[in-house]
Amino acid sequence: MQEYLDFAGRHPLLSMVWLGLAMAVIYTFIIARFSKVKVIPAQEAVMLINKQNAAVVDIRTAEEFRKGHIAGAINVPNSQLKANNLNLIEKYKDKPLVLVCESGMTTSGAGRLLSKAGFSQVHTLRGGMTDWRTQNLPVTTKR
């Protein structure tokens, strides 16, 4: 233990950076653990879609959506969600929702918005469309 204190005394900047990173990891873990929005892998999303008739909400731009999306997905760009324009998905409040973006990074914020708006079963696709395509799951360009 004394070695750690000596190191911290000789290298305060490195010690502060390490402590900050450790706190960020702990914070992220706690937030993810207690969040109402669950991050799910592609295979679990397929199960939700097939078994529980989950609605897929693609939050990418209309142009990205046209280039390829999950069959049956509803395109509601993230900008519309932030503006609280939920008309297209209002009827799915009590059904499972799977949120999809390109890389899986922007869906967590959208998921929190939908959860606050009263959607009860919100899931985000881990890795987004990038992971979906990597696993050779079906993508369509048809509406």
C-alpha atoms as a PDB file:
ATOM      1  CA  MET A   1       0.000   0.000   0.000  1.00  0.00           C
ATOM      2  CA  GLN A   2       2.878   2.330   0.758  1.00  0.00           C
ATOM      3  CA  GLU A   3       4.119   1.952  -2.840  1.00  0.00           C
ATOM      4  CA  TYR A   4       0.812   3.251  -4.162  1.00  0.00           C
ATOM      5  CA  LEU A   5       0.948   6.294  -1.917  1.00  0.00           C
ATOM      6  CA  ASP A   6       4.557   6.964  -2.932  1.00  0.00           C
ATOM      7  CA  PHE A   7       3.613   6.678  -6.617  1.00  0.00           C
ATOM      8  CA  ALA A   8       0.653   9.030  -6.143  1.00  0.00           C
ATOM      9  CA  GLY A   9       2.924  11.522  -4.366  1.00  0.00           C
ATOM     10  CA  ARG A  10       5.513  11.452  -7.145  1.00  0.00           C
ATOM     11  CA  HIS A  11       3.034  11.401 -10.048  1.00  0.00           C
ATOM     12  CA  PRO A  12      -0.051  13.423  -9.059  1.00  0.00           C
ATOM     13  CA  LEU A  13      -1.197  14.034 -12.641  1.00  0.00           C
ATOM     14  CA  LEU A  14      -1.108  10.348 -13.576  1.00  0.00           C
ATOM     15  CA  SER A  15      -2.872   9.479 -10.332  1.00  0.00           C
ATOM     16  CA  MET A  16      -5.658  11.982 -11.024  1.00  0.00           C
ATOM     17  CA  VAL A  17      -6.104  10.665 -14.578  1.00  0.00           C
ATOM     18  CA  TRP A  18      -6.277   7.085 -13.329  1.00  0.00           C
ATOM     19  CA  LEU A  19      -8.784   8.034 -10.631  1.00  0.00           C
ATOM     20  CA  GLY A  20     -10.907   9.945 -13.175  1.00  0.00           C
ATOM     21  CA  LEU A  21     -10.966   6.979 -15.544  1.00  0.00           C
ATOM     22  CA  ALA A  22     -11.869   4.589 -12.739  1.00  0.00           C
ATOM     23  CA  MET A  23     -14.743   6.848 -11.676  1.00  0.00           C
ATOM     24  CA  ALA A  24     -15.976   7.123 -15.294  1.00  0.00           C
ATOM     25  CA  VAL A  25     -16.029   3.334 -15.663  1.00  0.00           C
ATOM     26  CA  ILE A  26     -17.910   2.913 -12.391  1.00  0.00           C
ATOM     27  CA  TYR A  27     -20.405   5.653 -13.340  1.00  0.00           C
ATOM     28  CA  THR A  28     -21.034   4.095 -16.757  1.00  0.00           C
ATOM     29  CA  PHE A  29     -21.562   0.668 -15.222  1.00  0.00           C
ATOM     30  CA  ILE A  30     -24.025   1.986 -12.630  1.00  0.00           C
ATOM     31  CA  ILE A  31     -26.004   4.007 -15.191  1.00  0.00           C
ATOM     32  CA  ALA A  32     -26.236   1.033 -17.565  1.00  0.00           C
ATOM     33  CA  ARG A  33     -27.222  -1.342 -14.771  1.00  0.00           C
ATOM     34  CA  PHE A  34     -30.130   0.752 -13.517  1.00  0.00           C
ATOM     35  CA  SER A  35     -31.332   2.157 -16.851  1.00  0.00           C
ATOM     36  CA  LYS A  36     -34.812   1.291 -18.101  1.00  0.00           C
ATOM     37  CA  VAL A  37     -33.341   1.097 -21.614  1.00  0.00           C
ATOM     38  CA  LYS A  38     -31.677  -2.259 -22.242  1.00  0.00           C
ATOM     39  CA  VAL A  39     -28.876  -2.778 -24.756  1.00  0.00           C
ATOM     40  CA  ILE A  40     -29.393  -6.025 -26.644  1.00  0.00           C
ATOM     41  CA  PRO A  41     -27.353  -7.930 -29.237  1.00  0.00           C
ATOM     42  CA  ALA A  42     -28.661  -8.535 -32.750  1.00  0.00           C
ATOM     43  CA  GLN A  43     -29.793 -12.105 -32.035  1.00  0.00           C
ATOM     44  CA  GLU A  44     -31.924 -10.986 -29.111  1.00  0.00           C
ATOM     45  CA  ALA A  45     -33.398  -8.219 -31.278  1.00  0.00           C
ATOM     46  CA  VAL A  46     -34.372 -10.853 -33.864  1.00  0.00           C
ATOM     47  CA  MET A  47     -36.078 -12.851 -31.108  1.00  0.00           C
ATOM     48  CA  LEU A  48     -37.997  -9.766 -29.926  1.00  0.00           C
ATOM     49  CA  ILE A  49     -39.077  -8.969 -33.483  1.00  0.00           C
ATOM     50  CA  ASN A  50     -40.171 -12.521 -34.277  1.00  0.00           C
ATOM     51  CA  LYS A  51     -41.638 -13.666 -30.940  1.00  0.00           C
ATOM     52  CA  GLN A  52     -42.995 -10.474 -29.362  1.00  0.00           C
ATOM     53  CA  ASN A  53     -43.711  -8.481 -32.530  1.00  0.00           C
ATOM     54  CA  ALA A  54     -41.338  -5.683 -31.501  1.00  0.00           C
ATOM     55  CA  ALA A  55     -41.347  -2.502 -33.544  1.00  0.00           C
ATOM     56  CA  VAL A  56     -37.997  -1.457 -34.998  1.00  0.00           C
ATOM     57  CA  VAL A  57     -37.382   2.299 -34.913  1.00  0.00           C
ATOM     58  CA  ASP A  58     -34.475   3.467 -37.052  1.00  0.00           C
ATOM     59  CA  ILE A  59     -33.253   6.863 -35.825  1.00  0.00           C
ATOM     60  CA  ARG A  60     -30.818   7.518 -38.672  1.00  0.00           C
ATOM     61  CA  THR A  61     -31.441  10.195 -41.299  1.00  0.00           C
ATOM     62  CA  ALA A  62     -33.844   9.478 -44.153  1.00  0.00           C
ATOM     63  CA  GLU A  63     -30.938   9.189 -46.596  1.00  0.00           C
ATOM     64  CA  GLU A  64     -29.121   6.612 -44.442  1.00  0.00           C
ATOM     65  CA  PHE A  65     -32.414   4.752 -43.991  1.00  0.00           C
ATOM     66  CA  ARG A  66     -32.925   4.543 -47.778  1.00  0.00           C
ATOM     67  CA  LYS A  67     -29.465   2.989 -48.220  1.00  0.00           C
ATOM     68  CA  GLY A  68     -30.542  -0.023 -46.167  1.00  0.00           C
ATOM     69  CA  HIS A  69     -32.544  -0.834 -43.046  1.00  0.00           C
ATOM     70  CA  ILE A  70     -34.093  -3.699 -41.124  1.00  0.00           C
ATOM     71  CA  ALA A  71     -37.272  -4.963 -42.806  1.00  0.00           C
ATOM     72  CA  GLY A  72     -40.355  -3.333 -41.319  1.00  0.00           C
ATOM     73  CA  ALA A  73     -38.397  -0.583 -39.564  1.00  0.00           C
ATOM     74  CA  ILE A  74     -39.977   2.806 -39.004  1.00  0.00           C
ATOM     75  CA  ASN A  75     -37.729   5.776 -39.762  1.00  0.00           C
ATOM     76  CA  VAL A  76     -37.965   8.466 -37.093  1.00  0.00           C
ATOM     77  CA  PRO A  77     -34.785  10.567 -37.267  1.00  0.00           C
ATOM     78  CA  ASN A  78     -33.142  11.411 -33.973  1.00  0.00           C
ATOM     79  CA  SER A  79     -33.850  15.111 -34.582  1.00  0.00           C
ATOM     80  CA  GLN A  80     -37.599  14.351 -34.560  1.00  0.00           C
ATOM     81  CA  LEU A  81     -37.275  12.413 -31.310  1.00  0.00           C
ATOM     82  CA  LYS A  82     -35.418  15.312 -29.712  1.00  0.00           C
ATOM     83  CA  ALA A  83     -38.218  17.638 -30.878  1.00  0.00           C
ATOM     84  CA  ASN A  84     -40.694  15.254 -29.177  1.00  0.00           C
ATOM     85  CA  ASN A  85     -42.346  14.427 -32.520  1.00  0.00           C
ATOM     86  CA  LEU A  86     -43.495  10.899 -31.678  1.00  0.00           C
ATOM     87  CA  ASN A  87     -46.584  10.681 -33.906  1.00  0.00           C
ATOM     88  CA  LEU A  88     -45.305   7.747 -35.971  1.00  0.00           C
ATOM     89  CA  ILE A  89     -44.540   5.546 -32.971  1.00  0.00           C
ATOM     90  CA  GLU A  90     -47.119   6.672 -30.413  1.00  0.00           C
ATOM     91  CA  LYS A  91     -49.167   3.498 -30.966  1.00  0.00           C
ATOM     92  CA  TYR A  92     -46.204   1.337 -29.842  1.00  0.00           C
ATOM     93  CA  LYS A  93     -46.037   2.656 -26.265  1.00  0.00           C
ATOM     94  CA  ASP A  94     -46.893  -0.723 -24.743  1.00  0.00           C
ATOM     95  CA  LYS A  95     -45.019  -2.876 -27.261  1.00  0.00           C
ATOM     96  CA  PRO A  96     -41.311  -3.660 -27.297  1.00  0.00           C
ATOM     97  CA  LEU A  97     -39.269  -1.123 -29.275  1.00  0.00           C
ATOM     98  CA  VAL A  98     -35.847  -1.797 -30.751  1.00  0.00           C
ATOM     99  CA  LEU A  99     -33.964   1.419 -31.509  1.00  0.00           C
ATOM    100  CA  VAL A 100     -31.373   1.304 -34.284  1.00  0.00           C
ATOM    101  CA  CYS A 101     -28.704   3.768 -35.411  1.00  0.00           C
ATOM    102  CA  GLU A 102     -25.576   3.268 -37.508  1.00  0.00           C
ATOM    103  CA  SER A 103     -23.114   2.297 -34.781  1.00  0.00           C
ATOM    104  CA  GLY A 104     -25.190   1.910 -31.619  1.00  0.00           C
ATOM    105  CA  MET A 105     -23.878   5.088 -30.020  1.00  0.00           C
ATOM    106  CA  THR A 106     -26.794   7.520 -30.389  1.00  0.00           C
ATOM    107  CA  THR A 107     -29.624   5.176 -29.465  1.00  0.00           C
ATOM    108  CA  SER A 108     -29.029   5.369 -25.715  1.00  0.00           C
ATOM    109  CA  GLY A 109     -29.993   9.049 -25.580  1.00  0.00           C
ATOM    110  CA  ALA A 110     -33.019   8.426 -27.783  1.00  0.00           C
ATOM    111  CA  GLY A 111     -33.962   5.488 -25.582  1.00  0.00           C
ATOM    112  CA  ARG A 112     -33.904   7.653 -22.470  1.00  0.00           C
ATOM    113  CA  LEU A 113     -36.146  10.214 -24.232  1.00  0.00           C
ATOM    114  CA  LEU A 114     -38.656   7.537 -25.189  1.00  0.00           C
ATOM    115  CA  SER A 115     -38.582   6.012 -21.731  1.00  0.00           C
ATOM    116  CA  LYS A 116     -39.364   9.422 -20.221  1.00  0.00           C
ATOM    117  CA  ALA A 117     -42.171   9.828 -22.784  1.00  0.00           C
ATOM    118  CA  GLY A 118     -43.895   6.724 -21.409  1.00  0.00           C
ATOM    119  CA  PHE A 119     -42.638   3.931 -23.646  1.00  0.00           C
ATOM    120  CA  SER A 120     -42.403   0.893 -21.394  1.00  0.00           C
ATOM    121  CA  GLN A 121     -40.157  -1.572 -23.255  1.00  0.00           C
ATOM    122  CA  VAL A 122     -37.289   0.257 -24.954  1.00  0.00           C
ATOM    123  CA  HIS A 123     -34.264  -1.669 -26.227  1.00  0.00           C
ATOM    124  CA  THR A 124     -31.254  -0.459 -28.202  1.00  0.00           C
ATOM    125  CA  LEU A 125     -29.382  -2.563 -30.741  1.00  0.00           C
ATOM    126  CA  ARG A 126     -25.771  -3.061 -29.651  1.00  0.00           C
ATOM    127  CA  GLY A 127     -23.478  -2.099 -32.528  1.00  0.00           C
ATOM    128  CA  GLY A 128     -26.348  -0.681 -34.588  1.00  0.00           C
ATOM    129  CA  MET A 129     -26.675  -1.377 -38.296  1.00  0.00           C
ATOM    130  CA  THR A 130     -22.924  -1.917 -38.553  1.00  0.00           C
ATOM    131  CA  ASP A 131     -23.138  -4.981 -36.309  1.00  0.00           C
ATOM    132  CA  TRP A 132     -26.379  -6.092 -37.984  1.00  0.00           C
ATOM    133  CA  ARG A 133     -24.673  -6.118 -41.392  1.00  0.00           C
ATOM    134  CA  THR A 134     -21.528  -7.766 -39.982  1.00  0.00           C
ATOM    135  CA  GLN A 135     -23.651 -10.682 -38.804  1.00  0.00           C
ATOM    136  CA  ASN A 136     -25.145 -10.985 -42.316  1.00  0.00           C
ATOM    137  CA  LEU A 137     -28.674 -10.331 -41.093  1.00  0.00           C
ATOM    138  CA  PRO A 138     -31.198  -9.177 -43.707  1.00  0.00           C
ATOM    139  CA  VAL A 139     -31.214  -5.559 -44.837  1.00  0.00           C
ATOM    140  CA  THR A 140     -33.713  -4.071 -47.271  1.00  0.00           C
ATOM    141  CA  THR A 141     -33.992  -0.845 -49.242  1.00  0.00           C
ATOM    142  CA  LYS A 142     -37.758  -1.136 -49.742  1.00  0.00           C
ATOM    143  CA  ARG A 143     -40.160   0.922 -47.653  1.00  0.00           C
END
